[in-house]
Amino acid sequence: MAKDGEKSEWKDFVWNPRTREFLGRTASSWGLIILFYIIFYLFLGGLFALTMYIMLQTLDDHKPTWQDRLSTPGLVIRPHADEAFEIVYSIQKTESWDMYAQALDKFLSPYNNTLQAQKNHECTPDQYFLQEDSGDVKNNPKRSCQFNRTFLDACSGLEDRYYGYQIGQPCIIIKLNRVIGLLPGKDGQAPSITCGAKVIPFFPSQ
């Protein structure tokens, strides 16, 4: 009898025909609570959308709103074989340095003269190429100055497709990362990089 009573109570909880309640609530009660949650989540969604809209109005499509001025711009070094940026090879073993030449070919391909002439501006040497905005009219997108791979002379890969690796005079390309608003060489402080080879001692020396 106890089991029958518990079963009857469970049935009444799911659906009580006397009070017309489903899971302890009437139809009007369920309607009110569902309406509350619909309004509640619509409010949360609208608040999130409004917050995102206001935040996006403060952003610029072409430059970051906030940026830290680095005293030293970041560098890109090519080629590199690992995180230590150590280039180790043997002149006699072509397979040990051929990958470096291929990496430089891939890296310098966007700097071919024809591609640079199509995409970038031919700037006047020793002058800043400033592209100022005119009031509310934004001068975007900004154009870059041409940098033709022929500027690299022996390291352009045009005269020597092996970039000097086959004769023990390897080319290493160092590129400064873009820093918005940076005027290199202003106030006589031109960027400079000092490079040196790592000497590996051999024993015995003779």
N, C-alpha and C. Protein backbone atom coordinates (compact mmCIF):
# COMPACT_ATOMS: atom_id res chain seq x y z
N MET A 1 0.83 -1.21 0.00
CA MET A 1 0.00 0.00 0.00
C MET A 1 0.87 1.27 0.00
N ALA A 2 2.01 1.14 0.72
CA ALA A 2 2.90 2.31 0.76
C ALA A 2 3.43 2.65 -0.61
N LYS A 3 3.78 1.60 -1.38
CA LYS A 3 4.29 1.83 -2.72
C LYS A 3 3.22 2.44 -3.60
N ASP A 4 1.97 1.98 -3.44
CA ASP A 4 0.88 2.55 -4.24
C ASP A 4 0.67 4.02 -3.88
N GLY A 5 0.83 4.34 -2.58
CA GLY A 5 0.67 5.74 -2.16
C GLY A 5 1.75 6.62 -2.74
N GLU A 6 2.99 6.15 -2.71
CA GLU A 6 4.09 6.91 -3.28
C GLU A 6 3.91 7.09 -4.78
N LYS A 7 3.42 6.03 -5.43
CA LYS A 7 3.19 6.11 -6.87
C LYS A 7 2.11 7.13 -7.19
N SER A 8 1.07 7.15 -6.33
CA SER A 8 -0.02 8.11 -6.54
C SER A 8 0.47 9.53 -6.32
N GLU A 9 1.30 9.73 -5.29
CA GLU A 9 1.84 11.07 -5.04
C GLU A 9 2.72 11.53 -6.20
N TRP A 10 3.49 10.62 -6.75
CA TRP A 10 4.35 10.96 -7.89
C TRP A 10 3.52 11.35 -9.10
N LYS A 11 2.46 10.61 -9.34
CA LYS A 11 1.57 10.95 -10.46
C LYS A 11 0.92 12.31 -10.25
N ASP A 12 0.50 12.58 -8.99
CA ASP A 12 -0.13 13.87 -8.71
C ASP A 12 0.86 15.02 -8.88
N PHE A 13 2.14 14.74 -8.59
CA PHE A 13 3.14 15.79 -8.77
C PHE A 13 3.34 16.11 -10.25
N VAL A 14 3.40 15.06 -11.07
CA VAL A 14 3.57 15.28 -12.51
C VAL A 14 2.33 15.95 -13.09
N TRP A 15 1.18 15.41 -12.78
CA TRP A 15 -0.07 16.01 -13.28
C TRP A 15 -1.17 15.78 -12.26
N ASN A 16 -1.65 16.87 -11.70
CA ASN A 16 -2.72 16.81 -10.71
C ASN A 16 -4.01 17.24 -11.38
N PRO A 17 -4.89 16.28 -11.65
CA PRO A 17 -6.13 16.64 -12.36
C PRO A 17 -7.07 17.50 -11.53
N ARG A 18 -6.93 17.47 -10.20
CA ARG A 18 -7.84 18.25 -9.36
C ARG A 18 -7.49 19.73 -9.42
N THR A 19 -6.20 20.03 -9.26
CA THR A 19 -5.76 21.44 -9.30
C THR A 19 -5.28 21.86 -10.67
N ARG A 20 -5.21 20.87 -11.59
CA ARG A 20 -4.72 21.11 -12.95
C ARG A 20 -3.32 21.74 -12.93
N GLU A 21 -2.45 21.10 -12.13
CA GLU A 21 -1.06 21.53 -12.00
C GLU A 21 -0.14 20.53 -12.69
N PHE A 22 0.86 21.04 -13.38
CA PHE A 22 1.88 20.22 -14.03
C PHE A 22 3.22 20.52 -13.38
N LEU A 23 3.79 19.47 -12.73
CA LEU A 23 5.04 19.62 -12.00
C LEU A 23 4.93 20.71 -10.93
N GLY A 24 3.80 20.75 -10.27
CA GLY A 24 3.61 21.66 -9.15
C GLY A 24 3.20 23.06 -9.52
N ARG A 25 3.00 23.36 -10.82
CA ARG A 25 2.62 24.70 -11.26
C ARG A 25 1.42 24.64 -12.18
N THR A 26 0.60 25.66 -12.10
CA THR A 26 -0.53 25.78 -13.02
C THR A 26 -0.04 26.34 -14.35
N ALA A 27 -0.93 26.32 -15.32
CA ALA A 27 -0.55 26.82 -16.65
C ALA A 27 -0.19 28.30 -16.60
N SER A 28 -0.93 29.09 -15.83
CA SER A 28 -0.62 30.52 -15.73
C SER A 28 0.73 30.74 -15.05
N SER A 29 1.02 29.90 -14.02
CA SER A 29 2.31 30.04 -13.34
C SER A 29 3.45 29.70 -14.28
N TRP A 30 3.31 28.62 -15.05
CA TRP A 30 4.35 28.28 -16.03
C TRP A 30 4.50 29.38 -17.09
N GLY A 31 3.38 29.94 -17.51
CA GLY A 31 3.45 31.00 -18.51
C GLY A 31 4.19 32.22 -18.00
N LEU A 32 3.94 32.59 -16.73
CA LEU A 32 4.59 33.76 -16.16
C LEU A 32 6.10 33.55 -15.99
N ILE A 33 6.49 32.35 -15.51
CA ILE A 33 7.91 32.12 -15.31
C ILE A 33 8.66 32.01 -16.64
N ILE A 34 8.02 31.41 -17.64
CA ILE A 34 8.65 31.35 -18.97
C ILE A 34 8.78 32.76 -19.55
N LEU A 35 7.74 33.58 -19.40
CA LEU A 35 7.79 34.96 -19.89
C LEU A 35 8.88 35.74 -19.19
N PHE A 36 9.05 35.51 -17.87
CA PHE A 36 10.10 36.19 -17.12
C PHE A 36 11.48 35.87 -17.67
N TYR A 37 11.74 34.57 -17.90
CA TYR A 37 13.06 34.19 -18.38
C TYR A 37 13.30 34.65 -19.82
N ILE A 38 12.25 34.69 -20.62
CA ILE A 38 12.43 35.21 -21.98
C ILE A 38 12.84 36.67 -21.94
N ILE A 39 12.14 37.47 -21.11
CA ILE A 39 12.48 38.89 -20.99
C ILE A 39 13.87 39.05 -20.38
N PHE A 40 14.19 38.22 -19.37
CA PHE A 40 15.47 38.32 -18.69
C PHE A 40 16.64 38.07 -19.65
N TYR A 41 16.54 36.98 -20.44
CA TYR A 41 17.64 36.66 -21.36
C TYR A 41 17.69 37.60 -22.55
N LEU A 42 16.54 38.13 -22.96
CA LEU A 42 16.56 39.14 -24.01
C LEU A 42 17.26 40.40 -23.52
N PHE A 43 17.03 40.75 -22.25
CA PHE A 43 17.71 41.91 -21.66
C PHE A 43 19.22 41.68 -21.60
N LEU A 44 19.64 40.47 -21.16
CA LEU A 44 21.07 40.17 -21.09
C LEU A 44 21.70 40.21 -22.48
N GLY A 45 21.01 39.61 -23.47
CA GLY A 45 21.54 39.62 -24.84
C GLY A 45 21.63 41.02 -25.40
N GLY A 46 20.61 41.86 -25.13
CA GLY A 46 20.65 43.24 -25.61
C GLY A 46 21.74 44.04 -24.94
N LEU A 47 21.95 43.81 -23.62
CA LEU A 47 23.02 44.51 -22.91
C LEU A 47 24.39 44.12 -23.45
N PHE A 48 24.58 42.83 -23.75
CA PHE A 48 25.85 42.38 -24.32
C PHE A 48 26.07 42.99 -25.70
N ALA A 49 25.01 42.98 -26.54
CA ALA A 49 25.14 43.55 -27.89
C ALA A 49 25.44 45.04 -27.82
N LEU A 50 24.80 45.76 -26.89
CA LEU A 50 25.06 47.20 -26.75
C LEU A 50 26.49 47.46 -26.30
N THR A 51 26.98 46.65 -25.37
CA THR A 51 28.35 46.80 -24.89
C THR A 51 29.35 46.56 -26.02
N MET A 52 29.12 45.50 -26.81
CA MET A 52 30.02 45.22 -27.93
C MET A 52 29.97 46.34 -28.97
N TYR A 53 28.77 46.87 -29.22
CA TYR A 53 28.63 47.94 -30.21
C TYR A 53 29.40 49.19 -29.77
N ILE A 54 29.27 49.56 -28.49
CA ILE A 54 29.97 50.74 -27.99
C ILE A 54 31.49 50.52 -28.05
N MET A 55 31.94 49.31 -27.70
CA MET A 55 33.37 49.03 -27.73
C MET A 55 33.91 49.09 -29.16
N LEU A 56 33.15 48.55 -30.12
CA LEU A 56 33.62 48.54 -31.51
C LEU A 56 33.69 49.95 -32.10
N GLN A 57 32.90 50.89 -31.56
CA GLN A 57 32.96 52.25 -32.05
C GLN A 57 34.27 52.94 -31.69
N THR A 58 34.96 52.42 -30.68
CA THR A 58 36.23 53.02 -30.25
C THR A 58 37.43 52.45 -31.01
N LEU A 59 37.20 51.44 -31.85
CA LEU A 59 38.31 50.79 -32.55
C LEU A 59 38.48 51.36 -33.95
N ASP A 60 39.70 51.34 -34.40
CA ASP A 60 40.05 51.78 -35.76
C ASP A 60 40.40 50.55 -36.58
N ASP A 61 39.90 50.51 -37.81
CA ASP A 61 40.16 49.36 -38.67
C ASP A 61 41.60 49.29 -39.14
N HIS A 62 42.34 50.39 -39.03
CA HIS A 62 43.67 50.45 -39.63
C HIS A 62 44.81 50.60 -38.62
N LYS A 63 44.51 50.94 -37.40
CA LYS A 63 45.57 51.02 -36.39
C LYS A 63 44.97 50.80 -35.01
N PRO A 64 45.74 50.30 -34.07
CA PRO A 64 45.21 50.05 -32.73
C PRO A 64 44.93 51.36 -32.00
N THR A 65 43.86 51.36 -31.20
CA THR A 65 43.51 52.55 -30.43
C THR A 65 44.56 52.86 -29.39
N TRP A 66 45.05 51.82 -28.72
CA TRP A 66 46.08 51.97 -27.71
C TRP A 66 47.29 51.14 -28.12
N GLN A 67 48.46 51.72 -27.98
CA GLN A 67 49.68 50.99 -28.32
C GLN A 67 50.83 51.49 -27.45
N ASP A 68 51.68 50.57 -27.08
CA ASP A 68 52.86 50.91 -26.30
C ASP A 68 54.03 51.15 -27.25
N ARG A 69 54.70 52.25 -27.07
CA ARG A 69 55.85 52.57 -27.90
C ARG A 69 57.06 51.79 -27.37
N LEU A 70 57.57 50.92 -28.21
CA LEU A 70 58.72 50.13 -27.82
C LEU A 70 60.00 50.90 -28.12
N SER A 71 60.93 50.86 -27.20
CA SER A 71 62.20 51.54 -27.44
C SER A 71 62.99 50.87 -28.55
N THR A 72 62.81 49.55 -28.68
CA THR A 72 63.48 48.80 -29.74
C THR A 72 62.45 47.97 -30.49
N PRO A 73 62.24 48.25 -31.78
CA PRO A 73 61.26 47.46 -32.53
C PRO A 73 61.67 45.99 -32.60
N GLY A 74 60.67 45.13 -32.73
CA GLY A 74 60.95 43.71 -32.87
C GLY A 74 61.62 43.41 -34.20
N LEU A 75 62.33 42.31 -34.25
CA LEU A 75 63.07 41.94 -35.45
C LEU A 75 62.59 40.60 -35.98
N VAL A 76 62.64 40.45 -37.28
CA VAL A 76 62.40 39.18 -37.96
C VAL A 76 63.71 38.76 -38.58
N ILE A 77 64.15 37.56 -38.27
CA ILE A 77 65.41 37.04 -38.80
C ILE A 77 65.12 35.87 -39.72
N ARG A 78 65.63 35.94 -40.92
CA ARG A 78 65.46 34.86 -41.88
C ARG A 78 66.80 34.57 -42.55
N PRO A 79 67.15 33.31 -42.75
CA PRO A 79 66.36 32.14 -42.36
C PRO A 79 66.62 31.78 -40.91
N HIS A 80 65.77 30.94 -40.35
CA HIS A 80 66.02 30.40 -39.01
C HIS A 80 65.58 28.96 -39.00
N ALA A 81 66.37 28.15 -38.35
CA ALA A 81 66.10 26.71 -38.35
C ALA A 81 65.39 26.26 -37.09
N ASP A 82 65.62 26.97 -35.98
CA ASP A 82 64.98 26.59 -34.73
C ASP A 82 64.79 27.83 -33.88
N GLU A 83 64.29 27.64 -32.66
CA GLU A 83 64.02 28.77 -31.78
C GLU A 83 65.30 29.47 -31.34
N ALA A 84 66.42 28.81 -31.40
CA ALA A 84 67.68 29.43 -30.99
C ALA A 84 68.29 30.29 -32.10
N PHE A 85 67.72 30.24 -33.30
CA PHE A 85 68.19 31.02 -34.44
C PHE A 85 69.66 30.73 -34.75
N GLU A 86 70.05 29.51 -34.58
CA GLU A 86 71.41 29.11 -34.91
C GLU A 86 71.42 28.49 -36.31
N ILE A 87 72.29 29.01 -37.15
CA ILE A 87 72.43 28.50 -38.51
C ILE A 87 73.73 27.71 -38.58
N VAL A 88 73.59 26.43 -38.68
CA VAL A 88 74.75 25.54 -38.69
C VAL A 88 74.68 24.68 -39.96
N TYR A 89 75.76 24.69 -40.72
CA TYR A 89 75.78 23.86 -41.93
C TYR A 89 77.21 23.60 -42.34
N SER A 90 77.35 22.69 -43.28
CA SER A 90 78.66 22.37 -43.84
C SER A 90 78.65 22.71 -45.33
N ILE A 91 79.67 23.42 -45.79
CA ILE A 91 79.73 23.81 -47.20
C ILE A 91 79.71 22.59 -48.11
N GLN A 92 80.39 21.53 -47.69
CA GLN A 92 80.50 20.34 -48.53
C GLN A 92 79.17 19.59 -48.64
N LYS A 93 78.29 19.75 -47.66
CA LYS A 93 77.01 19.03 -47.68
C LYS A 93 75.91 19.98 -48.12
N THR A 94 75.54 19.85 -49.40
CA THR A 94 74.53 20.76 -49.96
C THR A 94 73.21 20.68 -49.21
N GLU A 95 72.83 19.48 -48.79
CA GLU A 95 71.55 19.31 -48.12
C GLU A 95 71.49 20.02 -46.78
N SER A 96 72.64 20.39 -46.22
CA SER A 96 72.66 21.05 -44.91
C SER A 96 72.36 22.54 -45.01
N TRP A 97 72.54 23.15 -46.20
CA TRP A 97 72.27 24.57 -46.35
C TRP A 97 71.26 24.91 -47.44
N ASP A 98 70.86 23.94 -48.22
CA ASP A 98 69.90 24.21 -49.30
C ASP A 98 68.56 24.70 -48.74
N MET A 99 68.17 24.20 -47.57
CA MET A 99 66.89 24.62 -46.98
C MET A 99 66.93 26.11 -46.62
N TYR A 100 68.10 26.64 -46.26
CA TYR A 100 68.21 28.06 -45.95
C TYR A 100 68.00 28.91 -47.20
N ALA A 101 68.56 28.47 -48.30
CA ALA A 101 68.39 29.20 -49.57
C ALA A 101 66.92 29.18 -50.00
N GLN A 102 66.26 28.05 -49.84
CA GLN A 102 64.84 27.97 -50.20
C GLN A 102 63.98 28.85 -49.30
N ALA A 103 64.34 28.91 -48.01
CA ALA A 103 63.58 29.76 -47.08
C ALA A 103 63.73 31.24 -47.46
N LEU A 104 64.92 31.64 -47.87
CA LEU A 104 65.12 33.03 -48.29
C LEU A 104 64.38 33.33 -49.58
N ASP A 105 64.35 32.38 -50.50
CA ASP A 105 63.58 32.56 -51.74
C ASP A 105 62.11 32.84 -51.42
N LYS A 106 61.54 32.04 -50.52
CA LYS A 106 60.14 32.20 -50.15
C LYS A 106 59.90 33.53 -49.44
N PHE A 107 60.83 33.90 -48.56
CA PHE A 107 60.68 35.14 -47.80
C PHE A 107 60.78 36.38 -48.69
N LEU A 108 61.65 36.35 -49.69
CA LEU A 108 61.89 37.53 -50.54
C LEU A 108 60.98 37.61 -51.75
N SER A 109 60.21 36.58 -52.02
CA SER A 109 59.35 36.60 -53.22
C SER A 109 58.37 37.79 -53.23
N PRO A 110 57.78 38.23 -52.09
CA PRO A 110 56.91 39.41 -52.17
C PRO A 110 57.64 40.71 -52.46
N TYR A 111 58.98 40.68 -52.41
CA TYR A 111 59.77 41.89 -52.63
C TYR A 111 60.33 41.97 -54.05
N ASN A 112 59.81 41.15 -54.93
CA ASN A 112 60.20 41.26 -56.34
C ASN A 112 59.81 42.64 -56.86
N ASN A 113 60.62 43.20 -57.73
CA ASN A 113 60.40 44.58 -58.19
C ASN A 113 59.02 44.78 -58.80
N THR A 114 58.56 43.82 -59.58
CA THR A 114 57.26 43.98 -60.25
C THR A 114 56.12 44.03 -59.22
N LEU A 115 56.17 43.18 -58.20
CA LEU A 115 55.13 43.18 -57.18
C LEU A 115 55.16 44.45 -56.34
N GLN A 116 56.35 44.93 -56.02
CA GLN A 116 56.47 46.15 -55.24
C GLN A 116 55.94 47.36 -56.02
N ALA A 117 56.17 47.39 -57.32
CA ALA A 117 55.68 48.50 -58.13
C ALA A 117 54.16 48.51 -58.20
N GLN A 118 53.54 47.34 -58.13
CA GLN A 118 52.08 47.25 -58.19
C GLN A 118 51.42 47.66 -56.87
N LYS A 119 52.05 47.32 -55.75
CA LYS A 119 51.38 47.48 -54.46
C LYS A 119 51.83 48.70 -53.67
N ASN A 120 53.09 49.11 -53.83
CA ASN A 120 53.64 50.12 -52.94
C ASN A 120 54.07 51.38 -53.69
N HIS A 121 54.35 52.41 -52.91
CA HIS A 121 54.67 53.73 -53.44
C HIS A 121 56.18 53.89 -53.62
N GLU A 122 56.58 54.55 -54.68
CA GLU A 122 58.00 54.83 -54.91
C GLU A 122 58.36 56.10 -54.15
N CYS A 123 58.95 55.94 -52.99
CA CYS A 123 59.23 57.07 -52.11
C CYS A 123 60.54 57.76 -52.48
N THR A 124 60.66 59.00 -52.05
CA THR A 124 61.89 59.76 -52.25
C THR A 124 62.90 59.35 -51.19
N PRO A 125 64.11 58.99 -51.59
CA PRO A 125 65.11 58.57 -50.60
C PRO A 125 65.39 59.65 -49.55
N ASP A 126 65.66 59.21 -48.31
CA ASP A 126 66.03 60.08 -47.20
C ASP A 126 64.92 61.07 -46.82
N GLN A 127 63.67 60.75 -47.17
CA GLN A 127 62.53 61.58 -46.77
C GLN A 127 61.43 60.69 -46.21
N TYR A 128 60.76 61.21 -45.18
CA TYR A 128 59.66 60.45 -44.60
C TYR A 128 58.45 60.52 -45.52
N PHE A 129 57.79 59.40 -45.68
CA PHE A 129 56.59 59.32 -46.50
C PHE A 129 55.39 59.41 -45.56
N LEU A 130 55.00 60.65 -45.23
CA LEU A 130 53.91 60.89 -44.29
C LEU A 130 52.58 60.92 -45.03
N GLN A 131 51.60 60.27 -44.46
CA GLN A 131 50.26 60.21 -45.06
C GLN A 131 49.26 60.66 -44.00
N GLU A 132 49.19 61.97 -43.81
CA GLU A 132 48.36 62.53 -42.76
C GLU A 132 46.88 62.50 -43.16
N ASP A 133 46.02 62.45 -42.13
CA ASP A 133 44.59 62.54 -42.35
C ASP A 133 44.20 64.01 -42.57
N SER A 134 43.11 64.23 -43.27
CA SER A 134 42.62 65.59 -43.54
C SER A 134 41.34 65.79 -42.74
N GLY A 135 41.49 66.26 -41.52
CA GLY A 135 40.31 66.46 -40.66
C GLY A 135 39.65 65.13 -40.35
N ASP A 136 38.36 65.06 -40.64
CA ASP A 136 37.61 63.82 -40.40
C ASP A 136 37.79 62.82 -41.52
N VAL A 137 38.42 63.26 -42.62
CA VAL A 137 38.64 62.35 -43.75
C VAL A 137 39.92 61.55 -43.49
N LYS A 138 39.77 60.25 -43.30
CA LYS A 138 40.91 59.40 -42.99
C LYS A 138 41.63 58.97 -44.28
N ASN A 139 42.92 59.12 -44.26
CA ASN A 139 43.73 58.71 -45.41
C ASN A 139 44.10 57.24 -45.26
N ASN A 140 43.11 56.39 -45.48
CA ASN A 140 43.30 54.94 -45.33
C ASN A 140 42.88 54.24 -46.61
N PRO A 141 43.47 53.10 -46.89
CA PRO A 141 44.59 52.50 -46.16
C PRO A 141 45.92 53.17 -46.52
N LYS A 142 46.84 53.16 -45.57
CA LYS A 142 48.14 53.74 -45.81
C LYS A 142 48.94 52.88 -46.80
N ARG A 143 49.79 53.53 -47.57
CA ARG A 143 50.64 52.79 -48.51
C ARG A 143 52.06 52.73 -47.98
N SER A 144 52.72 51.66 -48.29
CA SER A 144 54.11 51.47 -47.87
C SER A 144 55.05 51.89 -48.99
N CYS A 145 56.26 52.23 -48.61
CA CYS A 145 57.29 52.51 -49.62
C CYS A 145 57.78 51.20 -50.23
N GLN A 146 58.20 51.31 -51.46
CA GLN A 146 58.72 50.13 -52.14
C GLN A 146 60.04 49.69 -51.51
N PHE A 147 60.15 48.40 -51.35
CA PHE A 147 61.44 47.82 -50.96
C PHE A 147 61.71 46.67 -51.93
N ASN A 148 62.51 46.97 -52.93
CA ASN A 148 62.81 45.97 -53.95
C ASN A 148 63.95 45.08 -53.49
N ARG A 149 63.85 43.82 -53.80
CA ARG A 149 64.89 42.89 -53.37
C ARG A 149 66.24 43.19 -54.02
N THR A 150 66.22 43.97 -55.10
CA THR A 150 67.49 44.36 -55.73
C THR A 150 68.31 45.26 -54.81
N PHE A 151 67.64 45.89 -53.81
CA PHE A 151 68.38 46.71 -52.85
C PHE A 151 69.38 45.88 -52.06
N LEU A 152 69.16 44.58 -51.99
CA LEU A 152 69.99 43.71 -51.17
C LEU A 152 71.26 43.26 -51.89
N ASP A 153 71.40 43.67 -53.14
CA ASP A 153 72.61 43.35 -53.91
C ASP A 153 72.91 41.85 -53.90
N ALA A 154 74.05 41.48 -53.32
CA ALA A 154 74.47 40.07 -53.36
C ALA A 154 73.53 39.15 -52.59
N CYS A 155 72.77 39.73 -51.65
CA CYS A 155 71.84 38.91 -50.86
C CYS A 155 70.42 38.94 -51.43
N SER A 156 70.26 39.42 -52.65
CA SER A 156 68.93 39.45 -53.25
C SER A 156 68.50 38.10 -53.79
N GLY A 157 69.47 37.22 -54.01
CA GLY A 157 69.16 35.92 -54.59
C GLY A 157 69.00 35.95 -56.10
N LEU A 158 69.21 37.12 -56.70
CA LEU A 158 69.08 37.23 -58.15
C LEU A 158 70.41 36.93 -58.84
N GLU A 159 71.50 37.39 -58.25
CA GLU A 159 72.81 37.09 -58.82
C GLU A 159 73.35 35.75 -58.31
N ASP A 160 73.09 35.46 -57.06
CA ASP A 160 73.54 34.20 -56.46
C ASP A 160 72.33 33.52 -55.85
N ARG A 161 71.82 32.51 -56.50
CA ARG A 161 70.60 31.84 -56.04
C ARG A 161 70.83 31.04 -54.76
N TYR A 162 72.08 30.88 -54.34
CA TYR A 162 72.37 30.16 -53.10
C TYR A 162 72.68 31.11 -51.94
N TYR A 163 72.62 32.41 -52.17
CA TYR A 163 72.78 33.41 -51.12
C TYR A 163 74.11 33.27 -50.36
N GLY A 164 75.14 32.82 -51.04
CA GLY A 164 76.48 32.75 -50.45
C GLY A 164 76.71 31.57 -49.53
N TYR A 165 75.72 30.71 -49.36
CA TYR A 165 75.90 29.58 -48.44
C TYR A 165 76.90 28.56 -48.99
N GLN A 166 76.99 28.47 -50.30
CA GLN A 166 77.88 27.47 -50.89
C GLN A 166 79.35 27.86 -50.81
N ILE A 167 79.62 29.13 -50.47
CA ILE A 167 81.01 29.58 -50.37
C ILE A 167 81.36 30.02 -48.95
N GLY A 168 80.49 29.74 -48.01
CA GLY A 168 80.77 30.09 -46.61
C GLY A 168 80.56 31.55 -46.28
N GLN A 169 79.81 32.30 -47.12
CA GLN A 169 79.48 33.69 -46.84
C GLN A 169 77.96 33.85 -46.87
N PRO A 170 77.27 33.27 -45.90
CA PRO A 170 75.79 33.21 -45.94
C PRO A 170 75.15 34.57 -45.71
N CYS A 171 74.04 34.77 -46.40
CA CYS A 171 73.23 35.97 -46.20
C CYS A 171 72.18 35.70 -45.12
N ILE A 172 72.01 36.67 -44.23
CA ILE A 172 70.99 36.61 -43.19
C ILE A 172 70.19 37.91 -43.27
N ILE A 173 68.89 37.79 -43.47
CA ILE A 173 68.03 38.95 -43.63
C ILE A 173 67.45 39.33 -42.26
N ILE A 174 67.59 40.60 -41.90
CA ILE A 174 67.03 41.12 -40.65
C ILE A 174 66.01 42.21 -41.02
N LYS A 175 64.78 42.02 -40.58
CA LYS A 175 63.69 42.94 -40.92
C LYS A 175 63.09 43.50 -39.64
N LEU A 176 62.93 44.82 -39.59
CA LEU A 176 62.30 45.46 -38.44
C LEU A 176 60.78 45.36 -38.57
N ASN A 177 60.13 45.00 -37.47
CA ASN A 177 58.67 44.96 -37.46
C ASN A 177 58.12 46.38 -37.56
N ARG A 178 56.93 46.46 -38.09
CA ARG A 178 56.29 47.76 -38.25
C ARG A 178 55.86 48.32 -36.90
N VAL A 179 56.20 49.59 -36.66
CA VAL A 179 55.75 50.32 -35.47
C VAL A 179 55.07 51.59 -35.96
N ILE A 180 53.79 51.73 -35.66
CA ILE A 180 53.01 52.87 -36.14
C ILE A 180 53.54 54.16 -35.50
N GLY A 181 53.81 55.14 -36.32
CA GLY A 181 54.27 56.43 -35.82
C GLY A 181 55.76 56.52 -35.61
N LEU A 182 56.49 55.44 -35.83
CA LEU A 182 57.94 55.48 -35.64
C LEU A 182 58.61 56.17 -36.83
N LEU A 183 59.48 57.11 -36.55
CA LEU A 183 60.25 57.81 -37.59
C LEU A 183 61.72 57.42 -37.41
N PRO A 184 62.17 56.39 -38.09
CA PRO A 184 63.56 55.94 -37.91
C PRO A 184 64.54 57.01 -38.35
N GLY A 185 65.57 57.16 -37.55
CA GLY A 185 66.60 58.14 -37.87
C GLY A 185 66.30 59.54 -37.40
N LYS A 186 65.13 59.76 -36.76
CA LYS A 186 64.80 61.11 -36.29
C LYS A 186 65.73 61.49 -35.14
N ASP A 187 66.11 62.76 -35.10
CA ASP A 187 67.02 63.27 -34.07
C ASP A 187 68.38 62.57 -34.11
N GLY A 188 68.76 62.11 -35.30
CA GLY A 188 70.06 61.48 -35.45
C GLY A 188 70.20 60.11 -34.83
N GLN A 189 69.08 59.47 -34.48
CA GLN A 189 69.12 58.15 -33.87
C GLN A 189 68.64 57.11 -34.88
N ALA A 190 69.48 56.86 -35.85
CA ALA A 190 69.14 55.87 -36.86
C ALA A 190 69.28 54.47 -36.27
N PRO A 191 68.36 53.57 -36.60
CA PRO A 191 68.47 52.20 -36.07
C PRO A 191 69.71 51.51 -36.62
N SER A 192 70.38 50.80 -35.77
CA SER A 192 71.59 50.08 -36.18
C SER A 192 71.61 48.72 -35.51
N ILE A 193 72.19 47.76 -36.18
CA ILE A 193 72.27 46.39 -35.69
C ILE A 193 73.71 45.93 -35.84
N THR A 194 74.25 45.36 -34.79
CA THR A 194 75.61 44.83 -34.81
C THR A 194 75.52 43.31 -34.85
N CYS A 195 76.08 42.74 -35.88
CA CYS A 195 76.05 41.28 -36.05
C CYS A 195 77.46 40.71 -35.90
N GLY A 196 77.53 39.51 -35.43
CA GLY A 196 78.82 38.85 -35.29
C GLY A 196 78.67 37.35 -35.39
N ALA A 197 79.69 36.72 -35.87
CA ALA A 197 79.65 35.27 -36.00
C ALA A 197 80.06 34.61 -34.69
N LYS A 198 79.47 33.49 -34.43
CA LYS A 198 79.81 32.72 -33.24
C LYS A 198 80.96 31.78 -33.58
N VAL A 199 82.08 31.96 -32.90
CA VAL A 199 83.25 31.15 -33.17
C VAL A 199 83.18 29.88 -32.33
N ILE A 200 83.25 28.76 -32.98
CA ILE A 200 83.20 27.47 -32.29
C ILE A 200 84.60 26.91 -32.25
N PRO A 201 85.19 26.72 -31.06
CA PRO A 201 86.56 26.17 -30.98
C PRO A 201 86.58 24.68 -31.29
N PHE A 202 87.64 24.25 -31.91
CA PHE A 202 87.82 22.84 -32.23
C PHE A 202 89.04 22.31 -31.49
N PHE A 203 88.96 21.13 -31.00
CA PHE A 203 90.09 20.51 -30.26
C PHE A 203 90.38 19.13 -30.87
N PRO A 204 91.62 18.83 -31.10
CA PRO A 204 92.79 19.72 -30.92
C PRO A 204 92.84 20.78 -31.98
N SER A 205 93.56 21.83 -31.72
CA SER A 205 93.60 22.97 -32.64
C SER A 205 94.33 22.65 -33.93
N GLN A 206 95.20 21.68 -33.93
CA GLN A 206 95.95 21.31 -35.13
C GLN A 206 95.27 20.17 -35.85
